[in-house]
């Protein structure tokens, strides 16, 4: 399972999302929108994803799991709880 997290360096919810991925051993990629060298490219990637999925992005983190948009930190927790591997359901 692969998680992509778009976030900012000063965002505690972004940090928590990364911690949860580490806690559950989820493979993830963190894309810092504040990064001096890659931040602008990540912002453009996020804009394109938002347009493709008709999303309005106002906050971070913004998280995709296996190519599916799930939302922010709370939705990540729900998705983990609802997977067969970690909880009751099937993601």
C-alpha atoms as a PDB file:
ATOM      1  CA  UNK A   1       0.000   0.000   0.000  1.00  0.00           C
ATOM      2  CA  UNK A   2       1.343   3.372  -0.943  1.00  0.00           C
ATOM      3  CA  UNK A   3       0.403   6.679   0.660  1.00  0.00           C
ATOM      4  CA  UNK A   4       1.229  10.122  -0.764  1.00  0.00           C
ATOM      5  CA  UNK A   5       1.060  13.027   1.673  1.00  0.00           C
ATOM      6  CA  UNK A   6       1.204  16.645   0.513  1.00  0.00           C
ATOM      7  CA  UNK A   7       2.048  18.863   3.469  1.00  0.00           C
ATOM      8  CA  UNK A   8       3.862  21.835   4.924  1.00  0.00           C
ATOM      9  CA  UNK A   9       6.837  21.891   7.255  1.00  0.00           C
ATOM     10  CA  UNK A  10       5.015  23.656  10.107  1.00  0.00           C
ATOM     11  CA  UNK A  11       1.873  21.491   9.979  1.00  0.00           C
ATOM     12  CA  UNK A  12       1.383  19.279  13.030  1.00  0.00           C
ATOM     13  CA  UNK A  13      -1.344  17.251  11.240  1.00  0.00           C
ATOM     14  CA  UNK A  14       1.141  16.550   8.446  1.00  0.00           C
ATOM     15  CA  UNK A  15       3.669  15.346  11.033  1.00  0.00           C
ATOM     16  CA  UNK A  16       1.003  13.152  12.637  1.00  0.00           C
ATOM     17  CA  UNK A  17       0.103  11.661   9.259  1.00  0.00           C
ATOM     18  CA  UNK A  18       3.727  10.676   8.726  1.00  0.00           C
ATOM     19  CA  UNK A  19       3.924   9.251  12.264  1.00  0.00           C
ATOM     20  CA  UNK A  20       0.811   7.132  11.684  1.00  0.00           C
ATOM     21  CA  UNK A  21       2.253   5.774   8.436  1.00  0.00           C
ATOM     22  CA  UNK A  22       5.455   4.877  10.277  1.00  0.00           C
ATOM     23  CA  UNK A  23       3.487   3.344  13.160  1.00  0.00           C
ATOM     24  CA  UNK A  24       1.540   1.045  10.822  1.00  0.00           C
ATOM     25  CA  UNK A  25       4.476   0.344   8.523  1.00  0.00           C
ATOM     26  CA  UNK A  26       2.783   1.965   5.536  1.00  0.00           C
ATOM     27  CA  UNK A  27       4.930   2.890   2.588  1.00  0.00           C
ATOM     28  CA  UNK A  28       4.560   6.619   2.018  1.00  0.00           C
ATOM     29  CA  UNK A  29       5.956   9.580   0.142  1.00  0.00           C
ATOM     30  CA  UNK A  30       5.916  12.981   1.822  1.00  0.00           C
ATOM     31  CA  UNK A  31       5.821  15.951  -0.548  1.00  0.00           C
ATOM     32  CA  UNK A  32       6.634  19.181   1.253  1.00  0.00           C
ATOM     33  CA  UNK A  33       4.996  22.184  -0.365  1.00  0.00           C
ATOM     34  CA  UNK A  34       7.522  24.344   1.520  1.00  0.00           C
ATOM     35  CA  UNK A  35      10.599  22.600   0.139  1.00  0.00           C
ATOM     36  CA  UNK A  36      12.985  25.139  -1.309  1.00  0.00           C
ATOM     37  CA  UNK A  37      13.882  23.015  -4.330  1.00  0.00           C
ATOM     38  CA  UNK A  38      10.818  20.868  -5.064  1.00  0.00           C
ATOM     39  CA  UNK A  39       7.964  22.740  -3.368  1.00  0.00           C
ATOM     40  CA  UNK A  40       6.766  24.541  -6.493  1.00  0.00           C
ATOM     41  CA  UNK A  41       6.674  21.299  -8.483  1.00  0.00           C
ATOM     42  CA  UNK A  42       4.728  19.610  -5.661  1.00  0.00           C
ATOM     43  CA  UNK A  43       2.272  22.536  -5.569  1.00  0.00           C
ATOM     44  CA  UNK A  44       1.704  22.158  -9.311  1.00  0.00           C
ATOM     45  CA  UNK A  45       1.238  18.396  -8.934  1.00  0.00           C
ATOM     46  CA  UNK A  46      -1.314  18.996  -6.159  1.00  0.00           C
ATOM     47  CA  UNK A  47      -3.151  21.586  -8.296  1.00  0.00           C
ATOM     48  CA  UNK A  48      -3.352  19.104 -11.188  1.00  0.00           C
ATOM     49  CA  UNK A  49      -4.641  16.325  -8.918  1.00  0.00           C
ATOM     50  CA  UNK A  50      -7.224  18.692  -7.423  1.00  0.00           C
ATOM     51  CA  UNK A  51      -8.432  19.740 -10.871  1.00  0.00           C
ATOM     52  CA  UNK A  52      -8.628  16.140 -12.063  1.00  0.00           C
ATOM     53  CA  UNK A  53     -10.749  15.154  -9.063  1.00  0.00           C
ATOM     54  CA  UNK A  54     -12.721  18.433  -8.794  1.00  0.00           C
ATOM     55  CA  UNK A  55     -11.334  19.185  -5.332  1.00  0.00           C
ATOM     56  CA  UNK A  56     -10.983  22.500  -3.567  1.00  0.00           C
ATOM     57  CA  UNK A  57      -7.786  22.368  -1.516  1.00  0.00           C
ATOM     58  CA  UNK A  58      -7.596  24.780   1.417  1.00  0.00           C
ATOM     59  CA  UNK A  59      -5.683  22.837   4.035  1.00  0.00           C
ATOM     60  CA  UNK A  60      -2.921  20.276   4.460  1.00  0.00           C
ATOM     61  CA  UNK A  61      -2.251  17.460   4.682  1.00  0.00           C
ATOM     62  CA  UNK A  62      -3.839  16.206   1.477  1.00  0.00           C
ATOM     63  CA  UNK A  63      -3.517  12.448   1.235  1.00  0.00           C
ATOM     64  CA  UNK A  64      -3.873   9.829  -1.497  1.00  0.00           C
ATOM     65  CA  UNK A  65      -3.735   6.102  -0.784  1.00  0.00           C
ATOM     66  CA  UNK A  66      -3.055   3.752  -3.690  1.00  0.00           C
ATOM     67  CA  UNK A  67      -3.967   6.548  -6.091  1.00  0.00           C
ATOM     68  CA  UNK A  68      -7.308   7.227  -4.383  1.00  0.00           C
ATOM     69  CA  UNK A  69      -7.921  10.582  -2.710  1.00  0.00           C
ATOM     70  CA  UNK A  70      -8.868  10.092   0.922  1.00  0.00           C
ATOM     71  CA  UNK A  71      -8.594  13.612   2.411  1.00  0.00           C
ATOM     72  CA  UNK A  72      -6.659  14.688   5.488  1.00  0.00           C
ATOM     73  CA  UNK A  73      -5.387  13.205   8.735  1.00  0.00           C
ATOM     74  CA  UNK A  74      -8.794  12.141  10.113  1.00  0.00           C
ATOM     75  CA  UNK A  75      -9.668  10.379   6.881  1.00  0.00           C
ATOM     76  CA  UNK A  76      -6.282   8.622   6.925  1.00  0.00           C
ATOM     77  CA  UNK A  77      -7.030   7.289  10.402  1.00  0.00           C
ATOM     78  CA  UNK A  78     -10.483   6.118   9.241  1.00  0.00           C
ATOM     79  CA  UNK A  79      -9.013   4.456   6.156  1.00  0.00           C
ATOM     80  CA  UNK A  80      -6.456   2.612   8.282  1.00  0.00           C
ATOM     81  CA  UNK A  81      -9.141   1.487  10.734  1.00  0.00           C
ATOM     82  CA  UNK A  82     -11.280   0.248   7.845  1.00  0.00           C
ATOM     83  CA  UNK A  83      -8.632  -1.822   6.093  1.00  0.00           C
ATOM     84  CA  UNK A  84      -8.617  -5.576   6.392  1.00  0.00           C
ATOM     85  CA  UNK A  85      -4.994  -5.560   7.457  1.00  0.00           C
ATOM     86  CA  UNK A  86      -5.377  -3.019  10.293  1.00  0.00           C
ATOM     87  CA  UNK A  87      -9.055  -3.018  11.189  1.00  0.00           C
ATOM     88  CA  UNK A  88     -12.432  -4.400  10.212  1.00  0.00           C
ATOM     89  CA  UNK A  89     -13.200  -3.368   6.638  1.00  0.00           C
ATOM     90  CA  UNK A  90     -11.657  -3.565   3.225  1.00  0.00           C
ATOM     91  CA  UNK A  91     -10.010  -0.590   1.546  1.00  0.00           C
END
